[in-house]
Amino acid sequence: MSTKRPRMLKTVTGAGGSPGTYDLAIDPTRSTLDTAVKVAKLAEAARIDALFTADLLTFNAQGAIGSQEPLIFVAALSQVTSHVGLIATVSTTFHHPFNLARLFGTLDHVSNGRAAWNLVTSSIGEENYGADDLPSPEDRYARAAETLEVVNALWDSWEPSALSLGANGNAVLDPSKVHRINHAGRFFTVAGPLNIPPLPQGRPVQIQAGQSEAGMALGARFAEIVFTSLPTLDIALDFTRRIRSQAARLGRADGLPLIFSSFHATYGATEEEARRLVREKQEAIDFERGRAQVADMLGGGVDLSEVALDSTVPESLLPEVSSVNRRRGRVEIFSGHAREGYTLRELIIAAQDTGHWTVSGTPEQLADAVEERFRAGVLDVLTLGGLADPRQHDFVVNGLLHELRKRKIVADDYTGSTFRENLGLEFPARSGVPTAV
């Protein structure tokens, strides 16, 4: 598998917006999908490449994410769009691979080849699935790897010629070209084959979120795109070098996996306005509440109550990454910031964007920042938020995207009928399965 040339930056936007799901749920005249439908249509009109749905597997009092099931949500959006990709975040820790193969396979069919899976291993939610404790990161990633082995084998269990057109116009099935997978592993025993027809994309596009060592190993082996928190260019360069070196050692093509970064942008009509907006955001921060946010970024077991806001965090309070059971990649980023001399105040400010890449300025200045990473080879897919807000939409579509298209970094239109084709990803080679049914 390899990426096609010329290389172009791809864009993604979240399917949420305002009014949010909780607001819409109390209005009996409106669907909780209303905002997402608006965003989906705006995204497709702007030739944004994909819609992204996040997920949490526990109650979230703020209602920001995790309030709707992503697969059903994007399946509904597939019926009001025709080109935009549909990315659903789903955990391997709490789902069985046979179900995942059927769910994403069905999404690929109902969307005519626009499905993508953002695979996560979950850092919360175990209490809702009969577990007292979250499995270790090593066990979660081992389960994720085996899940992908099974799911890919199931998607490949039908040969492309298993279905043909009969003389009466109906499909003719050749059962000899549909194969069991007979998987028996540490976590799963699955006979197969899959009981839905071959998918339009062969396999949905595979995205993996996680940047700990275990997460990088999984992404290097399987992912076509990795979704990461890369707050600085140096961190992005180091991460990209390491994961692509691992991928190359596994025999994967140059340029894989693609690097997908979240872009937390503050737009201004002038540089002065952008600086003012950033300053106002920082002045509105509840810094005492922010101590708990930084503690969470450091793994959740750190007491920062005695650290002065304008002091650095003592080394003795920073956790050993290997001792943390949740989001080790985020712990590495914030521990690194602390060791670089960030004060607690600066860490709290960074925690507002949970360690993601943050930039402020005019659309032209933001385009400069995006172009720098794109030309450096550490950015292939970029998030663009706020389409539901008219002013933000203008900055994104008529400002940043317009500027990136002028620079020939973003394409003017979709370039394929499926999401995989639009990304420039080849049709996946089939895994070896052949055991007769």
Protein backbone atom coordinates (compact mmCIF):
# COMPACT_ATOMS: atom_id res chain seq x y z
CA MET A 1 0.00 0.00 0.00
CA SER A 2 1.31 3.47 -0.80
CA THR A 3 0.10 7.02 -1.06
CA LYS A 4 -0.48 8.53 -4.48
CA ARG A 5 1.17 11.70 -5.73
CA PRO A 6 1.00 14.63 -5.89
CA ARG A 7 0.80 14.89 -2.14
CA MET A 8 -2.00 17.17 -0.93
CA LEU A 9 -3.13 18.18 2.56
CA LYS A 10 -6.48 16.68 3.55
CA THR A 11 -8.96 18.37 5.87
CA VAL A 12 -11.40 17.14 8.51
CA THR A 13 -14.00 18.89 10.65
CA GLY A 14 -15.91 17.75 13.71
CA ALA A 15 -19.57 16.96 13.15
CA GLY A 16 -20.66 18.80 16.29
CA GLY A 17 -21.42 22.44 16.87
CA SER A 18 -23.90 24.74 18.56
CA PRO A 19 -26.64 24.14 19.52
CA GLY A 20 -25.29 20.91 20.92
CA THR A 21 -26.88 17.55 21.46
CA TYR A 22 -28.15 18.32 24.96
CA ASP A 23 -29.70 21.60 23.79
CA LEU A 24 -31.43 19.88 20.88
CA ALA A 25 -32.62 16.97 23.03
CA ILE A 26 -34.94 19.23 25.04
CA ASP A 27 -36.60 20.62 21.90
CA PRO A 28 -39.26 18.13 20.74
CA THR A 29 -39.46 19.81 17.33
CA ARG A 30 -35.83 19.17 16.41
CA SER A 31 -33.57 16.16 15.91
CA THR A 32 -30.35 15.88 17.88
CA LEU A 33 -28.75 15.49 14.45
CA ASP A 34 -29.76 18.98 13.28
CA THR A 35 -26.45 20.76 13.87
CA ALA A 36 -24.47 17.89 12.43
CA VAL A 37 -26.55 17.95 9.24
CA LYS A 38 -25.84 21.67 8.89
CA VAL A 39 -22.10 21.14 9.46
CA ALA A 40 -22.03 18.17 7.07
CA LYS A 41 -23.57 20.19 4.26
CA LEU A 42 -21.25 23.15 4.90
CA ALA A 43 -18.25 20.81 4.95
CA GLU A 44 -19.18 19.20 1.66
CA ALA A 45 -19.82 22.58 0.03
CA ALA A 46 -16.34 23.67 1.15
CA ARG A 47 -14.83 20.40 -0.15
CA ILE A 48 -13.59 19.43 3.30
CA ASP A 49 -12.54 15.81 3.09
CA ALA A 50 -14.16 14.21 6.14
CA LEU A 51 -16.43 14.56 9.15
CA PHE A 52 -15.07 13.36 12.49
CA THR A 53 -17.00 12.07 15.50
CA ALA A 54 -15.30 11.68 18.85
CA ASP A 55 -16.54 9.45 21.67
CA LEU A 56 -16.44 8.85 25.39
CA LEU A 57 -17.78 5.72 27.04
CA THR A 58 -18.86 7.39 30.25
CA PHE A 59 -21.12 10.25 31.33
CA ASN A 60 -19.80 13.70 30.43
CA ALA A 61 -21.54 16.49 32.36
CA GLN A 62 -20.37 19.14 29.89
CA GLY A 63 -21.95 17.26 26.99
CA ALA A 64 -19.13 18.20 24.64
CA ILE A 65 -18.42 14.71 23.30
CA GLY A 66 -19.60 11.22 23.96
CA SER A 67 -23.29 12.03 23.97
CA GLN A 68 -24.18 10.12 20.78
CA GLU A 69 -23.02 6.78 19.36
CA PRO A 70 -20.61 7.62 16.50
CA LEU A 71 -21.45 4.83 14.03
CA ILE A 72 -25.19 5.49 14.04
CA PHE A 73 -24.49 9.23 13.93
CA VAL A 74 -22.31 9.13 10.80
CA ALA A 75 -24.57 6.54 9.15
CA ALA A 76 -27.34 9.12 9.37
CA LEU A 77 -25.04 11.81 7.93
CA SER A 78 -24.19 9.52 5.02
CA GLN A 79 -27.73 10.00 3.75
CA VAL A 80 -27.49 13.81 3.49
CA THR A 81 -24.02 13.85 1.89
CA SER A 82 -22.40 12.19 -1.11
CA HIS A 83 -18.63 12.81 -1.03
CA VAL A 84 -17.38 13.71 2.43
CA GLY A 85 -15.64 10.94 4.40
CA LEU A 86 -17.23 9.67 7.63
CA ILE A 87 -14.92 8.98 10.57
CA ALA A 88 -16.34 7.17 13.60
CA THR A 89 -14.34 6.76 16.81
CA VAL A 90 -14.84 3.27 18.28
CA SER A 91 -12.91 1.46 21.01
CA THR A 92 -11.41 -2.00 20.64
CA THR A 93 -11.27 -2.49 24.41
CA PHE A 94 -15.02 -2.90 24.79
CA HIS A 95 -16.15 -4.25 21.40
CA HIS A 96 -15.89 -7.61 19.67
CA PRO A 97 -14.16 -7.75 16.25
CA PHE A 98 -16.97 -9.66 14.48
CA ASN A 99 -19.42 -6.92 15.45
CA LEU A 100 -16.92 -4.22 14.45
CA ALA A 101 -16.39 -5.82 11.05
CA ARG A 102 -20.14 -5.90 10.41
CA LEU A 103 -20.77 -2.37 11.73
CA PHE A 104 -18.03 -0.65 9.75
CA GLY A 105 -18.66 -2.87 6.75
CA THR A 106 -22.30 -1.83 6.74
CA LEU A 107 -21.31 1.84 7.13
CA ASP A 108 -19.06 1.48 4.09
CA HIS A 109 -21.97 0.08 2.09
CA VAL A 110 -24.60 2.62 3.15
CA SER A 111 -22.18 5.49 2.45
CA ASN A 112 -20.94 4.08 -0.88
CA GLY A 113 -17.36 3.75 0.30
CA ARG A 114 -16.86 6.66 2.69
CA ALA A 115 -16.32 4.87 6.02
CA ALA A 116 -13.30 5.37 8.26
CA TRP A 117 -12.56 3.94 11.69
CA ASN A 118 -10.72 6.02 14.29
CA LEU A 119 -9.52 3.20 16.53
CA VAL A 120 -8.98 3.97 20.21
CA THR A 121 -8.21 1.74 23.17
CA SER A 122 -10.07 3.92 25.73
CA SER A 123 -8.78 5.50 28.90
CA ILE A 124 -12.17 5.53 30.67
CA GLY A 125 -15.46 3.67 30.75
CA GLU A 126 -14.49 0.29 32.17
CA GLU A 127 -17.17 0.62 34.88
CA ASN A 128 -19.82 0.36 32.17
CA TYR A 129 -18.51 -2.91 30.75
CA GLY A 130 -18.28 -5.06 33.85
CA ALA A 131 -14.66 -4.26 34.76
CA ASP A 132 -13.35 -2.91 38.05
CA ASP A 133 -10.13 -1.67 36.52
CA LEU A 134 -9.03 -0.55 33.09
CA PRO A 135 -6.68 -3.12 31.50
CA SER A 136 -3.07 -2.04 31.25
CA PRO A 137 -1.99 -0.13 28.12
CA GLU A 138 -0.01 -3.18 27.03
CA ASP A 139 -3.10 -5.40 27.25
CA ARG A 140 -5.33 -2.81 25.58
CA TYR A 141 -2.96 -2.49 22.62
CA ALA A 142 -2.48 -6.26 22.38
CA ARG A 143 -6.25 -6.62 22.18
CA ALA A 144 -6.40 -3.82 19.60
CA ALA A 145 -3.78 -5.53 17.43
CA GLU A 146 -5.63 -8.84 17.55
CA THR A 147 -8.91 -7.04 16.83
CA LEU A 148 -7.43 -5.55 13.68
CA GLU A 149 -6.03 -8.91 12.59
CA VAL A 150 -9.50 -10.43 12.93
CA VAL A 151 -11.43 -7.53 11.41
CA ASN A 152 -9.12 -7.29 8.40
CA ALA A 153 -9.32 -11.03 7.83
CA LEU A 154 -13.11 -10.88 7.99
CA TRP A 155 -13.24 -8.02 5.48
CA ASP A 156 -10.94 -10.07 3.24
CA SER A 157 -12.86 -13.31 3.65
CA TRP A 158 -14.77 -12.73 0.40
CA GLU A 159 -12.78 -12.86 -2.80
CA PRO A 160 -13.61 -9.94 -5.14
CA SER A 161 -15.18 -12.33 -7.66
CA ALA A 162 -17.36 -14.17 -5.12
CA LEU A 163 -20.40 -12.29 -6.44
CA SER A 164 -21.19 -12.05 -10.13
CA LEU A 165 -24.10 -10.89 -12.24
CA GLY A 166 -26.42 -13.69 -13.31
CA ALA A 167 -28.36 -13.95 -16.56
CA ASN A 168 -31.57 -12.74 -14.89
CA GLY A 169 -29.84 -9.68 -13.40
CA ASN A 170 -29.60 -11.12 -9.90
CA ALA A 171 -26.39 -11.70 -7.95
CA VAL A 172 -24.84 -15.16 -8.17
CA LEU A 173 -22.76 -16.28 -5.19
CA ASP A 174 -19.82 -18.66 -5.56
CA PRO A 175 -19.48 -20.11 -2.03
CA SER A 176 -16.04 -21.52 -2.84
CA LYS A 177 -14.76 -17.94 -2.94
CA VAL A 178 -15.96 -17.10 0.57
CA HIS A 179 -13.57 -18.35 3.25
CA ARG A 180 -13.48 -19.03 6.96
CA ILE A 181 -10.72 -17.22 8.85
CA ASN A 182 -10.52 -19.76 11.74
CA HIS A 183 -8.85 -17.30 14.09
CA ALA A 184 -7.86 -18.55 17.55
CA GLY A 185 -5.90 -16.02 19.58
CA ARG A 186 -5.32 -14.68 23.06
CA PHE A 187 -8.54 -12.63 23.15
CA PHE A 188 -10.82 -14.01 20.45
CA THR A 189 -11.89 -17.15 18.64
CA VAL A 190 -13.65 -16.27 15.39
CA ALA A 191 -14.50 -18.75 12.64
CA GLY A 192 -15.85 -16.38 10.00
CA PRO A 193 -16.46 -15.66 7.23
CA LEU A 194 -18.10 -12.24 7.35
CA ASN A 195 -21.78 -12.37 6.46
CA ILE A 196 -22.00 -9.16 4.44
CA PRO A 197 -20.75 -8.64 0.86
CA PRO A 198 -17.31 -7.23 -0.06
CA LEU A 199 -16.94 -3.56 0.83
CA PRO A 200 -16.74 -0.68 -1.65
CA GLN A 201 -13.33 0.32 -0.23
CA GLY A 202 -12.11 -3.20 0.42
CA ARG A 203 -11.63 -2.03 3.98
CA PRO A 204 -12.72 1.23 5.60
CA VAL A 205 -9.84 3.68 6.04
CA GLN A 206 -8.04 2.80 9.28
CA ILE A 207 -7.12 5.65 11.64
CA GLN A 208 -5.46 5.04 14.99
CA ALA A 209 -5.32 7.46 17.90
CA GLY A 210 -2.48 7.09 20.40
CA GLN A 211 1.13 8.17 20.68
CA SER A 212 2.58 6.20 23.56
CA GLU A 213 5.18 3.60 22.63
CA ALA A 214 2.52 0.90 22.47
CA GLY A 215 0.25 3.18 20.45
CA MET A 216 3.04 3.99 18.00
CA ALA A 217 3.79 0.30 17.52
CA LEU A 218 0.14 -0.39 16.67
CA GLY A 219 -0.04 2.59 14.33
CA ALA A 220 3.19 1.66 12.56
CA ARG A 221 1.87 -1.85 11.92
CA PHE A 222 -1.74 -1.17 10.90
CA ALA A 223 -2.76 2.48 10.62
CA GLU A 224 -3.16 4.32 7.37
CA ILE A 225 -3.55 7.55 9.35
CA VAL A 226 -2.43 8.31 12.92
CA PHE A 227 -4.26 10.98 14.93
CA THR A 228 -1.86 12.65 17.35
CA SER A 229 -1.26 15.54 19.75
CA LEU A 230 1.81 17.31 18.35
CA PRO A 231 2.03 20.73 20.02
CA THR A 232 5.39 21.79 18.54
CA LEU A 233 7.20 21.25 15.25
CA ASP A 234 10.08 19.51 17.04
CA ILE A 235 7.69 17.03 18.67
CA ALA A 236 5.99 16.48 15.30
CA LEU A 237 9.32 15.85 13.56
CA ASP A 238 10.42 13.37 16.23
CA PHE A 239 7.09 11.51 16.28
CA THR A 240 6.88 11.26 12.49
CA ARG A 241 10.46 10.02 12.19
CA ARG A 242 9.95 7.36 14.83
CA ILE A 243 6.61 5.98 13.64
CA ARG A 244 7.55 5.93 9.96
CA SER A 245 10.86 4.24 10.75
CA GLN A 246 8.93 1.51 12.54
CA ALA A 247 6.48 1.26 9.65
CA ALA A 248 9.33 0.97 7.12
CA ARG A 249 10.92 -1.86 9.12
CA LEU A 250 7.58 -3.67 8.86
CA GLY A 251 7.70 -3.34 5.08
CA ARG A 252 5.13 -0.59 4.72
CA ALA A 253 5.35 2.00 1.95
CA ASP A 254 7.04 5.38 2.22
CA GLY A 255 4.74 8.07 3.58
CA LEU A 256 2.68 5.74 5.77
CA PRO A 257 1.06 6.24 8.10
CA LEU A 258 -0.29 9.69 7.24
CA ILE A 259 -0.03 12.21 10.10
CA PHE A 260 -3.32 13.70 11.33
CA SER A 261 -3.06 16.71 13.67
CA SER A 262 -5.69 18.59 15.59
CA PHE A 263 -5.34 22.33 14.87
CA HIS A 264 -6.61 24.59 17.66
CA ALA A 265 -6.74 27.92 15.85
CA THR A 266 -7.67 31.41 17.02
CA TYR A 267 -8.47 33.57 14.00
CA GLY A 268 -8.35 37.33 13.79
CA ALA A 269 -8.93 39.79 11.00
CA THR A 270 -5.63 41.30 12.17
CA GLU A 271 -2.74 39.94 14.20
CA GLU A 272 -3.67 42.36 16.99
CA GLU A 273 -7.24 41.01 17.13
CA ALA A 274 -5.97 37.42 17.31
CA ARG A 275 -3.62 38.32 20.18
CA ARG A 276 -6.49 40.03 22.00
CA LEU A 277 -8.74 36.98 21.64
CA VAL A 278 -6.00 34.71 22.98
CA ARG A 279 -5.43 37.07 25.90
CA GLU A 280 -9.15 37.12 26.70
CA LYS A 281 -9.31 33.34 26.66
CA GLN A 282 -6.40 33.09 29.06
CA GLU A 283 -7.83 35.73 31.39
CA ALA A 284 -11.06 33.72 31.59
CA ILE A 285 -9.30 30.54 32.79
CA ASP A 286 -10.14 29.29 36.27
CA PHE A 287 -6.55 28.57 37.32
CA GLU A 288 -7.49 26.73 40.51
CA ARG A 289 -9.67 24.37 38.48
CA GLY A 290 -6.81 24.24 36.01
CA ARG A 291 -4.61 22.49 38.59
CA ALA A 292 -6.89 19.46 38.29
CA GLN A 293 -6.69 19.64 34.49
CA VAL A 294 -2.89 19.54 34.55
CA ALA A 295 -2.98 16.71 37.10
CA ASP A 296 -5.19 14.81 34.65
CA MET A 297 -2.74 15.51 31.81
CA LEU A 298 -0.04 14.00 34.07
CA GLY A 299 -1.98 10.79 34.59
CA GLY A 300 -4.34 11.78 37.39
CA GLY A 301 -2.25 10.84 40.42
CA VAL A 302 -0.40 14.13 40.96
CA ASP A 303 -1.14 16.62 43.77
CA LEU A 304 -0.37 20.14 42.54
CA SER A 305 -2.17 21.98 45.35
CA GLU A 306 1.07 23.26 46.92
CA VAL A 307 2.75 24.38 43.67
CA ALA A 308 2.68 28.13 43.09
CA LEU A 309 1.21 29.18 39.74
CA ASP A 310 4.40 30.87 38.59
CA SER A 311 6.70 28.08 39.78
CA THR A 312 7.80 25.00 37.90
CA VAL A 313 6.50 21.57 38.89
CA PRO A 314 9.12 19.71 40.97
CA GLU A 315 10.63 16.67 39.29
CA SER A 316 9.55 14.58 42.28
CA LEU A 317 5.89 15.13 41.35
CA LEU A 318 6.24 13.99 37.75
CA PRO A 319 5.15 10.36 37.27
CA GLU A 320 7.06 7.55 35.64
CA VAL A 321 5.25 7.15 32.36
CA SER A 322 5.29 3.34 32.65
CA SER A 323 3.33 3.59 35.92
CA VAL A 324 0.41 5.42 34.29
CA ASN A 325 -2.52 3.37 33.04
CA ARG A 326 -4.27 6.07 30.99
CA ARG A 327 -3.17 8.23 28.03
CA ARG A 328 0.58 7.81 28.35
CA GLY A 329 1.22 9.89 25.24
CA ARG A 330 -0.42 12.92 26.90
CA VAL A 331 1.60 12.29 30.06
CA GLU A 332 4.80 12.30 28.00
CA ILE A 333 3.90 15.65 26.43
CA PHE A 334 3.06 17.41 29.70
CA SER A 335 5.96 15.86 31.61
CA GLY A 336 8.18 17.09 28.80
CA HIS A 337 6.73 20.60 29.08
CA ALA A 338 7.36 20.56 32.84
CA ARG A 339 10.97 19.44 32.39
CA GLU A 340 11.47 22.19 29.80
CA GLY A 341 10.64 24.73 32.52
CA TYR A 342 6.97 25.51 31.95
CA THR A 343 5.44 27.10 35.03
CA LEU A 344 2.23 25.66 36.44
CA ARG A 345 0.40 28.66 34.97
CA GLU A 346 1.81 27.87 31.52
CA LEU A 347 0.90 24.20 31.91
CA ILE A 348 -2.68 25.16 32.81
CA ILE A 349 -2.89 27.34 29.69
CA ALA A 350 -1.58 24.46 27.57
CA ALA A 351 -4.05 22.07 29.21
CA GLN A 352 -6.98 24.09 27.82
CA ASP A 353 -6.10 22.58 24.44
CA THR A 354 -5.17 19.19 26.01
CA GLY A 355 -1.72 19.24 24.47
CA HIS A 356 -2.79 19.88 20.88
CA TRP A 357 -1.21 22.24 18.35
CA THR A 358 -2.39 25.81 18.99
CA VAL A 359 -1.86 28.76 16.64
CA SER A 360 -3.28 32.27 16.47
CA GLY A 361 -3.21 34.96 13.81
CA THR A 362 -4.76 36.02 10.54
CA PRO A 363 -5.75 33.34 8.02
CA GLU A 364 -2.56 34.06 6.09
CA GLN A 365 -0.42 33.60 9.23
CA LEU A 366 -2.23 30.36 10.08
CA ALA A 367 -1.62 29.19 6.51
CA ASP A 368 2.09 29.89 7.03
CA ALA A 369 2.09 27.63 10.12
CA VAL A 370 0.22 24.87 8.28
CA GLU A 371 2.48 25.12 5.26
CA GLU A 372 5.60 24.84 7.42
CA ARG A 373 4.48 21.50 8.84
CA PHE A 374 3.15 20.26 5.51
CA ARG A 375 6.42 21.04 3.72
CA ALA A 376 8.34 19.41 6.58
CA GLY A 377 6.45 16.18 5.90
CA VAL A 378 4.83 16.00 9.34
CA LEU A 379 1.27 16.98 8.42
CA ASP A 380 -1.04 15.15 6.00
CA VAL A 381 -4.49 15.59 7.55
CA LEU A 382 -5.66 18.69 9.45
CA THR A 383 -8.72 19.47 11.59
CA LEU A 384 -10.65 22.65 10.87
CA GLY A 385 -13.32 23.56 13.42
CA GLY A 386 -16.17 25.96 13.91
CA LEU A 387 -18.06 25.69 10.62
CA ALA A 388 -21.44 26.15 12.34
CA ASP A 389 -20.44 29.65 13.49
CA PRO A 390 -20.80 32.15 10.58
CA ARG A 391 -17.72 34.22 11.48
CA GLN A 392 -15.53 31.16 12.07
CA HIS A 393 -16.86 29.61 8.86
CA ASP A 394 -15.77 32.71 6.96
CA PHE A 395 -12.28 32.59 8.46
CA VAL A 396 -11.92 28.86 7.73
CA VAL A 397 -13.46 28.65 4.25
CA ASN A 398 -12.84 32.05 2.73
CA GLY A 399 -9.66 32.66 4.70
CA LEU A 400 -7.48 29.69 5.57
CA LEU A 401 -8.75 27.17 3.00
CA HIS A 402 -8.71 29.80 0.26
CA GLU A 403 -5.11 30.64 1.11
CA LEU A 404 -4.01 26.99 1.23
CA ARG A 405 -5.64 26.38 -2.15
CA LYS A 406 -3.83 29.38 -3.61
CA ARG A 407 -0.60 27.74 -2.43
CA LYS A 408 -1.58 24.41 -4.07
CA ILE A 409 -1.49 22.64 -0.70
CA VAL A 410 -5.21 21.73 -0.57
CA ALA A 411 -7.12 20.44 -3.61
CA ASP A 412 -10.00 22.43 -5.07
CA ASP A 413 -12.33 19.42 -5.22
CA TYR A 414 -12.71 15.78 -4.21
CA THR A 415 -10.42 13.55 -6.25
CA GLY A 416 -12.12 10.14 -5.91
CA SER A 417 -15.50 8.52 -5.42
CA THR A 418 -14.50 6.83 -2.15
CA PHE A 419 -12.80 8.28 0.91
CA ARG A 420 -9.82 5.97 0.33
CA GLU A 421 -9.41 7.23 -3.24
CA ASN A 422 -9.79 10.84 -2.15
CA LEU A 423 -6.99 10.37 0.38
CA GLY A 424 -4.74 8.86 -2.28
CA LEU A 425 -4.61 5.49 -0.51
CA GLU A 426 -4.44 2.31 -2.54
CA PHE A 427 -7.04 -0.45 -2.35
CA PRO A 428 -5.71 -2.71 0.43
CA ALA A 429 -4.06 -6.01 -0.42
CA ARG A 430 -6.05 -8.97 0.93
CA SER A 431 -4.68 -10.97 3.83
CA GLY A 432 -4.22 -14.69 3.24
CA VAL A 433 -7.35 -16.45 4.46
CA PRO A 434 -8.27 -19.37 2.23
CA THR A 435 -10.02 -22.01 4.22
CA ALA A 436 -13.15 -23.22 2.45
CA VAL A 437 -16.48 -22.62 4.13
